[in-house]
Full PDB file with SEQRES, HELIX, SHEET, SSBOND, CRYST1, ORIGX, SCALE, CONECT and MASTER records, all heavy atoms in Angstrom:
SEQRES   1 A   36  THR ALA ALA VAL PHE ALA ASN MET LEU ASN ALA GLU SER          
SEQRES   2 A   36  GLN THR ILE TRP LYS ASP VAL GLU GLY VAL MET ASN ALA          
SEQRES   3 A   36  ASP PRO LYS SER PHE PRO ASP ALA GLN PHE                      
HELIX    1 AA1 ALA A    2  MET A    8  1                                   7    
CRYST1    1.000    1.000    1.000  90.00  90.00  90.00 P 1           1          
ORIGX1      1.000000  0.000000  0.000000        0.00000                         
ORIGX2      0.000000  1.000000  0.000000        0.00000                         
ORIGX3      0.000000  0.000000  1.000000        0.00000                         
SCALE1      1.000000  0.000000  0.000000        0.00000                         
SCALE2      0.000000  1.000000  0.000000        0.00000                         
SCALE3      0.000000  0.000000  1.000000        0.00000                         
ATOM      1  N   THR A   1     119.744 151.937  90.196  1.00  0.00           N  
ATOM      2  CA  THR A   1     120.404 152.583  91.346  1.00  0.00           C  
ATOM      3  C   THR A   1     121.379 153.672  90.837  1.00  0.00           C  
ATOM      4  O   THR A   1     121.451 154.786  91.245  1.00  0.00           O  
ATOM      5  CB  THR A   1     121.060 151.612  92.293  1.00  0.00           C  
ATOM      6  OG1 THR A   1     120.129 150.754  92.801  1.00  0.00           O  
ATOM      7  CG2 THR A   1     121.771 152.282  93.442  1.00  0.00           C  
ATOM      8  N   ALA A   2     122.228 153.243  89.811  1.00  0.00           N  
ATOM      9  CA  ALA A   2     123.267 154.148  89.336  1.00  0.00           C  
ATOM     10  C   ALA A   2     122.529 155.203  88.705  1.00  0.00           C  
ATOM     11  O   ALA A   2     123.011 156.439  88.703  1.00  0.00           O  
ATOM     12  CB  ALA A   2     124.068 153.332  88.365  1.00  0.00           C  
ATOM     13  N   ALA A   3     121.470 155.046  87.901  1.00  0.00           N  
ATOM     14  CA  ALA A   3     120.696 156.105  87.242  1.00  0.00           C  
ATOM     15  C   ALA A   3     120.097 157.100  88.240  1.00  0.00           C  
ATOM     16  O   ALA A   3     120.105 158.334  87.917  1.00  0.00           O  
ATOM     17  CB  ALA A   3     119.694 155.552  86.292  1.00  0.00           C  
ATOM     18  N   VAL A   4     119.621 156.610  89.414  1.00  0.00           N  
ATOM     19  CA  VAL A   4     119.073 157.496  90.402  1.00  0.00           C  
ATOM     20  C   VAL A   4     120.165 158.431  90.978  1.00  0.00           C  
ATOM     21  O   VAL A   4     119.965 159.602  91.004  1.00  0.00           O  
ATOM     22  CB  VAL A   4     118.389 156.637  91.514  1.00  0.00           C  
ATOM     23  CG1 VAL A   4     118.188 157.558  92.786  1.00  0.00           C  
ATOM     24  CG2 VAL A   4     117.148 155.932  91.032  1.00  0.00           C  
ATOM     25  N   PHE A   5     121.280 157.836  91.203  1.00  0.00           N  
ATOM     26  CA  PHE A   5     122.469 158.671  91.702  1.00  0.00           C  
ATOM     27  C   PHE A   5     122.950 159.654  90.569  1.00  0.00           C  
ATOM     28  O   PHE A   5     123.190 160.837  90.940  1.00  0.00           O  
ATOM     29  CB  PHE A   5     123.651 157.772  92.128  1.00  0.00           C  
ATOM     30  CG  PHE A   5     123.519 157.186  93.558  1.00  0.00           C  
ATOM     31  CD1 PHE A   5     123.193 155.901  93.711  1.00  0.00           C  
ATOM     32  CD2 PHE A   5     123.805 158.115  94.545  1.00  0.00           C  
ATOM     33  CE1 PHE A   5     123.175 155.368  95.135  1.00  0.00           C  
ATOM     34  CE2 PHE A   5     123.633 157.591  95.976  1.00  0.00           C  
ATOM     35  CZ  PHE A   5     123.415 156.153  96.065  1.00  0.00           C  
ATOM     36  N   ALA A   6     122.962 159.138  89.304  1.00  0.00           N  
ATOM     37  CA  ALA A   6     123.354 160.137  88.269  1.00  0.00           C  
ATOM     38  C   ALA A   6     122.428 161.198  88.164  1.00  0.00           C  
ATOM     39  O   ALA A   6     122.824 162.412  88.047  1.00  0.00           O  
ATOM     40  CB  ALA A   6     123.410 159.354  86.983  1.00  0.00           C  
ATOM     41  N   ASN A   7     121.054 160.990  88.290  1.00  0.00           N  
ATOM     42  CA  ASN A   7     120.175 162.034  88.248  1.00  0.00           C  
ATOM     43  C   ASN A   7     120.268 163.013  89.379  1.00  0.00           C  
ATOM     44  O   ASN A   7     120.422 164.232  89.233  1.00  0.00           O  
ATOM     45  CB  ASN A   7     118.739 161.348  88.198  1.00  0.00           C  
ATOM     46  CG  ASN A   7     117.625 162.470  88.377  1.00  0.00           C  
ATOM     47  OD1 ASN A   7     117.344 163.075  89.217  1.00  0.00           O  
ATOM     48  ND2 ASN A   7     116.814 162.513  87.183  1.00  0.00           N  
ATOM     49  N   MET A   8     120.419 162.523  90.570  1.00  0.00           N  
ATOM     50  CA  MET A   8     120.427 163.294  91.811  1.00  0.00           C  
ATOM     51  C   MET A   8     121.748 164.076  92.022  1.00  0.00           C  
ATOM     52  O   MET A   8     121.788 165.081  92.727  1.00  0.00           O  
ATOM     53  CB  MET A   8     119.973 162.492  93.035  1.00  0.00           C  
ATOM     54  CG  MET A   8     118.565 161.991  92.986  1.00  0.00           C  
ATOM     55  SD  MET A   8     118.038 161.274  94.482  1.00  0.00           S  
ATOM     56  CE  MET A   8     116.390 160.887  94.062  1.00  0.00           C  
ATOM     57  N   LEU A   9     122.877 163.556  91.410  1.00  0.00           N  
ATOM     58  CA  LEU A   9     124.074 164.197  91.572  1.00  0.00           C  
ATOM     59  C   LEU A   9     124.318 165.081  90.241  1.00  0.00           C  
ATOM     60  O   LEU A   9     125.469 165.700  90.197  1.00  0.00           O  
ATOM     61  CB  LEU A   9     125.155 163.090  91.606  1.00  0.00           C  
ATOM     62  CG  LEU A   9     125.237 162.404  92.899  1.00  0.00           C  
ATOM     63  CD1 LEU A   9     126.188 161.253  92.775  1.00  0.00           C  
ATOM     64  CD2 LEU A   9     125.757 163.311  93.962  1.00  0.00           C  
ATOM     65  N   ASN A  10     123.373 165.134  89.278  1.00  0.00           N  
ATOM     66  CA  ASN A  10     123.633 165.898  88.144  1.00  0.00           C  
ATOM     67  C   ASN A  10     124.864 165.411  87.395  1.00  0.00           C  
ATOM     68  O   ASN A  10     125.632 166.291  86.914  1.00  0.00           O  
ATOM     69  CB  ASN A  10     123.560 167.340  88.329  1.00  0.00           C  
ATOM     70  CG  ASN A  10     122.241 167.915  88.766  1.00  0.00           C  
ATOM     71  OD1 ASN A  10     121.115 167.545  88.240  1.00  0.00           O  
ATOM     72  ND2 ASN A  10     122.233 168.647  89.876  1.00  0.00           N  
ATOM     73  N   ALA A  11     125.170 164.089  87.233  1.00  0.00           N  
ATOM     74  CA  ALA A  11     126.326 163.643  86.715  1.00  0.00           C  
ATOM     75  C   ALA A  11     126.457 163.986  85.169  1.00  0.00           C  
ATOM     76  O   ALA A  11     125.420 164.130  84.572  1.00  0.00           O  
ATOM     77  CB  ALA A  11     126.355 162.139  86.954  1.00  0.00           C  
ATOM     78  N   GLU A  12     127.707 163.963  84.746  1.00  0.00           N  
ATOM     79  CA  GLU A  12     127.867 164.327  83.303  1.00  0.00           C  
ATOM     80  C   GLU A  12     127.540 163.046  82.472  1.00  0.00           C  
ATOM     81  O   GLU A  12     127.241 163.167  81.348  1.00  0.00           O  
ATOM     82  CB  GLU A  12     129.249 164.804  82.994  1.00  0.00           C  
ATOM     83  CG  GLU A  12     130.419 163.819  83.290  1.00  0.00           C  
ATOM     84  CD  GLU A  12     131.793 164.234  83.167  1.00  0.00           C  
ATOM     85  OE1 GLU A  12     132.251 165.097  83.863  1.00  0.00           O  
ATOM     86  OE2 GLU A  12     132.312 163.888  82.140  1.00  0.00           O  
ATOM     87  N   SER A  13     127.645 161.900  83.078  1.00  0.00           N  
ATOM     88  CA  SER A  13     127.458 160.604  82.371  1.00  0.00           C  
ATOM     89  C   SER A  13     127.235 159.490  83.338  1.00  0.00           C  
ATOM     90  O   SER A  13     127.709 159.548  84.488  1.00  0.00           O  
ATOM     91  CB  SER A  13     128.480 160.293  81.282  1.00  0.00           C  
ATOM     92  OG  SER A  13     129.741 160.070  82.091  1.00  0.00           O  
ATOM     93  N   GLN A  14     126.720 158.384  82.865  1.00  0.00           N  
ATOM     94  CA  GLN A  14     126.672 157.186  83.608  1.00  0.00           C  
ATOM     95  C   GLN A  14     127.249 156.144  82.645  1.00  0.00           C  
ATOM     96  O   GLN A  14     126.909 156.077  81.473  1.00  0.00           O  
ATOM     97  CB  GLN A  14     125.222 156.782  83.940  1.00  0.00           C  
ATOM     98  CG  GLN A  14     125.067 155.351  84.583  1.00  0.00           C  
ATOM     99  CD  GLN A  14     123.739 154.866  84.941  1.00  0.00           C  
ATOM    100  OE1 GLN A  14     122.940 155.805  85.325  1.00  0.00           O  
ATOM    101  NE2 GLN A  14     123.354 153.615  84.982  1.00  0.00           N  
ATOM    102  N   THR A  15     128.085 155.229  83.183  1.00  0.00           N  
ATOM    103  CA  THR A  15     128.728 154.132  82.393  1.00  0.00           C  
ATOM    104  C   THR A  15     128.438 152.824  83.110  1.00  0.00           C  
ATOM    105  O   THR A  15     128.655 152.627  84.397  1.00  0.00           O  
ATOM    106  CB  THR A  15     130.158 154.320  82.353  1.00  0.00           C  
ATOM    107  OG1 THR A  15     130.463 155.573  81.649  1.00  0.00           O  
ATOM    108  CG2 THR A  15     130.878 153.194  81.482  1.00  0.00           C  
ATOM    109  N   ILE A  16     127.883 151.866  82.387  1.00  0.00           N  
ATOM    110  CA  ILE A  16     127.664 150.462  82.811  1.00  0.00           C  
ATOM    111  C   ILE A  16     128.756 149.612  82.190  1.00  0.00           C  
ATOM    112  O   ILE A  16     128.874 149.611  80.949  1.00  0.00           O  
ATOM    113  CB  ILE A  16     126.275 149.948  82.397  1.00  0.00           C  
ATOM    114  CG1 ILE A  16     125.167 150.864  83.038  1.00  0.00           C  
ATOM    115  CG2 ILE A  16     126.112 148.462  82.799  1.00  0.00           C  
ATOM    116  CD1 ILE A  16     123.872 150.503  82.593  1.00  0.00           C  
ATOM    117  N   TRP A  17     129.625 148.944  82.963  1.00  0.00           N  
ATOM    118  CA  TRP A  17     130.646 148.216  82.582  1.00  0.00           C  
ATOM    119  C   TRP A  17     130.225 146.772  82.578  1.00  0.00           C  
ATOM    120  O   TRP A  17     129.882 146.159  83.528  1.00  0.00           O  
ATOM    121  CB  TRP A  17     131.889 148.362  83.465  1.00  0.00           C  
ATOM    122  CG  TRP A  17     132.475 149.743  83.471  1.00  0.00           C  
ATOM    123  CD1 TRP A  17     132.110 150.792  84.222  1.00  0.00           C  
ATOM    124  CD2 TRP A  17     133.469 150.263  82.567  1.00  0.00           C  
ATOM    125  NE1 TRP A  17     132.839 151.934  83.881  1.00  0.00           N  
ATOM    126  CE2 TRP A  17     133.624 151.521  82.866  1.00  0.00           C  
ATOM    127  CE3 TRP A  17     134.150 149.642  81.523  1.00  0.00           C  
ATOM    128  CZ2 TRP A  17     134.607 152.383  82.228  1.00  0.00           C  
ATOM    129  CZ3 TRP A  17     135.137 150.400  80.816  1.00  0.00           C  
ATOM    130  CH2 TRP A  17     135.278 151.776  81.165  1.00  0.00           C  
ATOM    131  N   LYS A  18     130.251 146.142  81.424  1.00  0.00           N  
ATOM    132  CA  LYS A  18     129.782 144.712  81.122  1.00  0.00           C  
ATOM    133  C   LYS A  18     130.823 143.870  80.497  1.00  0.00           C  
ATOM    134  O   LYS A  18     131.831 144.324  80.087  1.00  0.00           O  
ATOM    135  CB  LYS A  18     128.565 144.750  80.303  1.00  0.00           C  
ATOM    136  CG  LYS A  18     127.346 145.517  80.867  1.00  0.00           C  
ATOM    137  CD  LYS A  18     126.202 145.553  80.023  1.00  0.00           C  
ATOM    138  CE  LYS A  18     125.430 144.260  79.997  1.00  0.00           C  
ATOM    139  NZ  LYS A  18     124.683 143.975  81.275  1.00  0.00           N  
ATOM    140  N   ASP A  19     130.494 142.597  80.350  1.00  0.00           N  
ATOM    141  CA  ASP A  19     131.397 141.635  79.775  1.00  0.00           C  
ATOM    142  C   ASP A  19     131.340 141.508  78.221  1.00  0.00           C  
ATOM    143  O   ASP A  19     131.745 140.567  77.670  1.00  0.00           O  
ATOM    144  CB  ASP A  19     131.548 140.370  80.455  1.00  0.00           C  
ATOM    145  CG  ASP A  19     130.146 139.629  80.397  1.00  0.00           C  
ATOM    146  OD1 ASP A  19     129.115 140.335  79.958  1.00  0.00           O  
ATOM    147  OD2 ASP A  19     130.051 138.476  80.793  1.00  0.00           O  
ATOM    148  N   VAL A  20     130.571 142.439  77.629  1.00  0.00           N  
ATOM    149  CA  VAL A  20     130.451 142.545  76.214  1.00  0.00           C  
ATOM    150  C   VAL A  20     130.924 143.897  75.722  1.00  0.00           C  
ATOM    151  O   VAL A  20     131.107 144.777  76.429  1.00  0.00           O  
ATOM    152  CB  VAL A  20     129.032 142.297  75.720  1.00  0.00           C  
ATOM    153  CG1 VAL A  20     128.566 140.873  75.964  1.00  0.00           C  
ATOM    154  CG2 VAL A  20     128.100 143.332  76.442  1.00  0.00           C  
ATOM    155  N   GLU A  21     131.159 144.082  74.394  1.00  0.00           N  
ATOM    156  CA  GLU A  21     131.713 145.246  73.847  1.00  0.00           C  
ATOM    157  C   GLU A  21     130.788 146.394  73.940  1.00  0.00           C  
ATOM    158  O   GLU A  21     131.155 147.648  73.819  1.00  0.00           O  
ATOM    159  CB  GLU A  21     132.317 145.102  72.343  1.00  0.00           C  
ATOM    160  CG  GLU A  21     131.129 144.687  71.388  1.00  0.00           C  
ATOM    161  CD  GLU A  21     131.824 144.578  69.992  1.00  0.00           C  
ATOM    162  OE1 GLU A  21     132.355 145.568  69.537  1.00  0.00           O  
ATOM    163  OE2 GLU A  21     131.602 143.499  69.442  1.00  0.00           O  
ATOM    164  N   GLY A  22     129.468 146.177  74.109  1.00  0.00           N  
ATOM    165  CA  GLY A  22     128.411 147.152  74.263  1.00  0.00           C  
ATOM    166  C   GLY A  22     127.202 146.589  74.205  1.00  0.00           C  
ATOM    167  O   GLY A  22     126.950 145.400  74.440  1.00  0.00           O  
ATOM    168  N   VAL A  23     126.102 147.360  73.664  1.00  0.00           N  
ATOM    169  CA  VAL A  23     124.881 146.792  73.533  1.00  0.00           C  
ATOM    170  C   VAL A  23     124.789 145.981  72.150  1.00  0.00           C  
ATOM    171  O   VAL A  23     125.330 146.441  71.228  1.00  0.00           O  
ATOM    172  CB  VAL A  23     123.743 147.802  73.388  1.00  0.00           C  
ATOM    173  CG1 VAL A  23     122.326 147.229  73.128  1.00  0.00           C  
ATOM    174  CG2 VAL A  23     123.689 148.582  74.731  1.00  0.00           C  
ATOM    175  N   MET A  24     124.236 144.685  72.267  1.00  0.00           N  
ATOM    176  CA  MET A  24     124.216 143.815  71.001  1.00  0.00           C  
ATOM    177  C   MET A  24     122.690 143.816  70.670  1.00  0.00           C  
ATOM    178  O   MET A  24     121.818 144.058  71.525  1.00  0.00           O  
ATOM    179  CB  MET A  24     124.786 142.498  71.485  1.00  0.00           C  
ATOM    180  CG  MET A  24     126.086 142.429  72.098  1.00  0.00           C  
ATOM    181  SD  MET A  24     127.387 143.092  71.138  1.00  0.00           S  
ATOM    182  CE  MET A  24     127.797 141.661  70.062  1.00  0.00           C  
ATOM    183  N   ASN A  25     122.426 143.256  69.475  1.00  0.00           N  
ATOM    184  CA  ASN A  25     121.081 143.248  68.978  1.00  0.00           C  
ATOM    185  C   ASN A  25     120.417 141.941  69.551  1.00  0.00           C  
ATOM    186  O   ASN A  25     119.212 141.625  69.235  1.00  0.00           O  
ATOM    187  CB  ASN A  25     121.045 143.367  67.574  1.00  0.00           C  
ATOM    188  CG  ASN A  25     121.483 141.934  66.829  1.00  0.00           C  
ATOM    189  OD1 ASN A  25     122.510 141.498  67.212  1.00  0.00           O  
ATOM    190  ND2 ASN A  25     120.772 141.612  65.771  1.00  0.00           N  
ATOM    191  N   ALA A  26     121.156 141.079  70.166  1.00  0.00           N  
ATOM    192  CA  ALA A  26     120.621 139.898  70.855  1.00  0.00           C  
ATOM    193  C   ALA A  26     121.600 139.350  71.876  1.00  0.00           C  
ATOM    194  O   ALA A  26     122.794 139.787  71.825  1.00  0.00           O  
ATOM    195  CB  ALA A  26     120.537 138.749  69.772  1.00  0.00           C  
ATOM    196  N   ASP A  27     121.250 138.527  72.777  1.00  0.00           N  
ATOM    197  CA  ASP A  27     122.162 137.842  73.767  1.00  0.00           C  
ATOM    198  C   ASP A  27     123.296 137.075  73.064  1.00  0.00           C  
ATOM    199  O   ASP A  27     122.938 135.950  72.479  1.00  0.00           O  
ATOM    200  CB  ASP A  27     121.370 136.993  74.696  1.00  0.00           C  
ATOM    201  CG  ASP A  27     122.095 136.408  75.820  1.00  0.00           C  
ATOM    202  OD1 ASP A  27     123.448 136.674  75.799  1.00  0.00           O  
ATOM    203  OD2 ASP A  27     121.608 135.851  76.753  1.00  0.00           O  
ATOM    204  N   PRO A  28     124.451 137.520  73.139  1.00  0.00           N  
ATOM    205  CA  PRO A  28     125.560 136.885  72.510  1.00  0.00           C  
ATOM    206  C   PRO A  28     125.800 135.504  73.092  1.00  0.00           C  
ATOM    207  O   PRO A  28     126.407 134.584  72.311  1.00  0.00           O  
ATOM    208  CB  PRO A  28     126.779 137.767  72.722  1.00  0.00           C  
ATOM    209  CG  PRO A  28     126.413 138.471  73.862  1.00  0.00           C  
ATOM    210  CD  PRO A  28     124.965 138.796  73.861  1.00  0.00           C  
ATOM    211  N   LYS A  29     125.289 135.130  74.256  1.00  0.00           N  
ATOM    212  CA  LYS A  29     125.507 133.771  74.738  1.00  0.00           C  
ATOM    213  C   LYS A  29     124.564 132.813  74.043  1.00  0.00           C  
ATOM    214  O   LYS A  29     124.874 131.566  73.843  1.00  0.00           O  
ATOM    215  CB  LYS A  29     125.162 133.805  76.217  1.00  0.00           C  
ATOM    216  CG  LYS A  29     126.179 134.625  77.088  1.00  0.00           C  
ATOM    217  CD  LYS A  29     125.610 134.596  78.566  1.00  0.00           C  
ATOM    218  CE  LYS A  29     126.668 135.594  79.281  1.00  0.00           C  
ATOM    219  NZ  LYS A  29     126.267 135.862  80.602  1.00  0.00           N  
ATOM    220  N   SER A  30     123.437 133.285  73.568  1.00  0.00           N  
ATOM    221  CA  SER A  30     122.502 132.467  72.714  1.00  0.00           C  
ATOM    222  C   SER A  30     122.679 132.687  71.352  1.00  0.00           C  
ATOM    223  O   SER A  30     122.234 131.736  70.529  1.00  0.00           O  
ATOM    224  CB  SER A  30     121.063 132.774  73.178  1.00  0.00           C  
ATOM    225  OG  SER A  30     120.873 132.621  74.591  1.00  0.00           O  
ATOM    226  N   PHE A  31     123.130 133.837  70.933  1.00  0.00           N  
ATOM    227  CA  PHE A  31     123.258 134.093  69.396  1.00  0.00           C  
ATOM    228  C   PHE A  31     124.620 134.530  69.190  1.00  0.00           C  
ATOM    229  O   PHE A  31     125.070 135.664  69.333  1.00  0.00           O  
ATOM    230  CB  PHE A  31     122.272 135.202  69.121  1.00  0.00           C  
ATOM    231  CG  PHE A  31     120.801 134.899  69.230  1.00  0.00           C  
ATOM    232  CD1 PHE A  31     120.284 135.098  70.461  1.00  0.00           C  
ATOM    233  CD2 PHE A  31     120.163 134.286  68.220  1.00  0.00           C  
ATOM    234  CE1 PHE A  31     118.903 134.734  70.636  1.00  0.00           C  
ATOM    235  CE2 PHE A  31     118.789 133.905  68.397  1.00  0.00           C  
ATOM    236  CZ  PHE A  31     118.083 134.195  69.618  1.00  0.00           C  
ATOM    237  N   PRO A  32     125.550 133.609  68.767  1.00  0.00           N  
ATOM    238  CA  PRO A  32     127.045 133.873  68.621  1.00  0.00           C  
ATOM    239  C   PRO A  32     127.187 134.916  67.495  1.00  0.00           C  
ATOM    240  O   PRO A  32     128.315 135.519  67.505  1.00  0.00           O  
ATOM    241  CB  PRO A  32     127.586 132.465  68.154  1.00  0.00           C  
ATOM    242  CG  PRO A  32     126.598 131.516  68.701  1.00  0.00           C  
ATOM    243  CD  PRO A  32     125.218 132.085  68.658  1.00  0.00           C  
ATOM    244  N   ASP A  33     126.306 135.057  66.616  1.00  0.00           N  
ATOM    245  CA  ASP A  33     126.425 136.160  65.498  1.00  0.00           C  
ATOM    246  C   ASP A  33     125.711 137.418  65.867  1.00  0.00           C  
ATOM    247  O   ASP A  33     125.548 138.272  64.953  1.00  0.00           O  
ATOM    248  CB  ASP A  33     125.946 135.551  64.149  1.00  0.00           C  
ATOM    249  CG  ASP A  33     124.475 135.170  64.285  1.00  0.00           C  
ATOM    250  OD1 ASP A  33     123.905 135.070  65.357  1.00  0.00           O  
ATOM    251  OD2 ASP A  33     123.905 134.906  63.145  1.00  0.00           O  
ATOM    252  N   ALA A  34     125.560 137.644  67.106  1.00  0.00           N  
ATOM    253  CA  ALA A  34     124.812 138.987  67.570  1.00  0.00           C  
ATOM    254  C   ALA A  34     125.657 140.087  67.081  1.00  0.00           C  
ATOM    255  O   ALA A  34     127.004 140.050  67.157  1.00  0.00           O  
ATOM    256  CB  ALA A  34     124.683 138.864  69.080  1.00  0.00           C  
ATOM    257  N   GLN A  35     125.084 141.115  66.739  1.00  0.00           N  
ATOM    258  CA  GLN A  35     125.717 142.435  66.083  1.00  0.00           C  
ATOM    259  C   GLN A  35     125.855 143.477  67.314  1.00  0.00           C  
ATOM    260  O   GLN A  35     124.961 143.664  68.143  1.00  0.00           O  
ATOM    261  CB  GLN A  35     125.002 142.992  65.010  1.00  0.00           C  
ATOM    262  CG  GLN A  35     124.724 142.026  63.870  1.00  0.00           C  
ATOM    263  CD  GLN A  35     123.905 142.700  62.698  1.00  0.00           C  
ATOM    264  OE1 GLN A  35     123.992 143.816  62.427  1.00  0.00           O  
ATOM    265  NE2 GLN A  35     122.840 141.860  62.429  1.00  0.00           N  
ATOM    266  N   PHE A  36     126.943 144.154  67.221  1.00  0.00           N  
ATOM    267  CA  PHE A  36     127.257 145.322  68.066  1.00  0.00           C  
ATOM    268  C   PHE A  36     126.454 146.492  67.581  1.00  0.00           C  
ATOM    269  O   PHE A  36     126.230 146.751  66.397  1.00  0.00           O  
ATOM    270  CB  PHE A  36     128.725 145.491  68.152  1.00  0.00           C  
ATOM    271  CG  PHE A  36     129.089 146.867  68.845  1.00  0.00           C  
ATOM    272  CD1 PHE A  36     128.973 147.141  70.104  1.00  0.00           C  
ATOM    273  CD2 PHE A  36     129.571 148.061  67.971  1.00  0.00           C  
ATOM    274  CE1 PHE A  36     129.302 148.376  70.628  1.00  0.00           C  
ATOM    275  CE2 PHE A  36     129.918 149.172  68.473  1.00  0.00           C  
ATOM    276  CZ  PHE A  36     129.739 149.370  69.839  1.00  0.00           C  
TER     277      PHE A  36                                                      
MASTER        0    0    0    1    0    0    0    6  276    1    0    3          
END                                                                             
């Protein structure tokens, strides 16, 4: 939904706010040593 609005509003950026520092290489809940 956010991406649809970003596209149709010609937004400068979209930000997804999550409870992790960013995208990890694995689910940190299952893999404690997951890398940022």
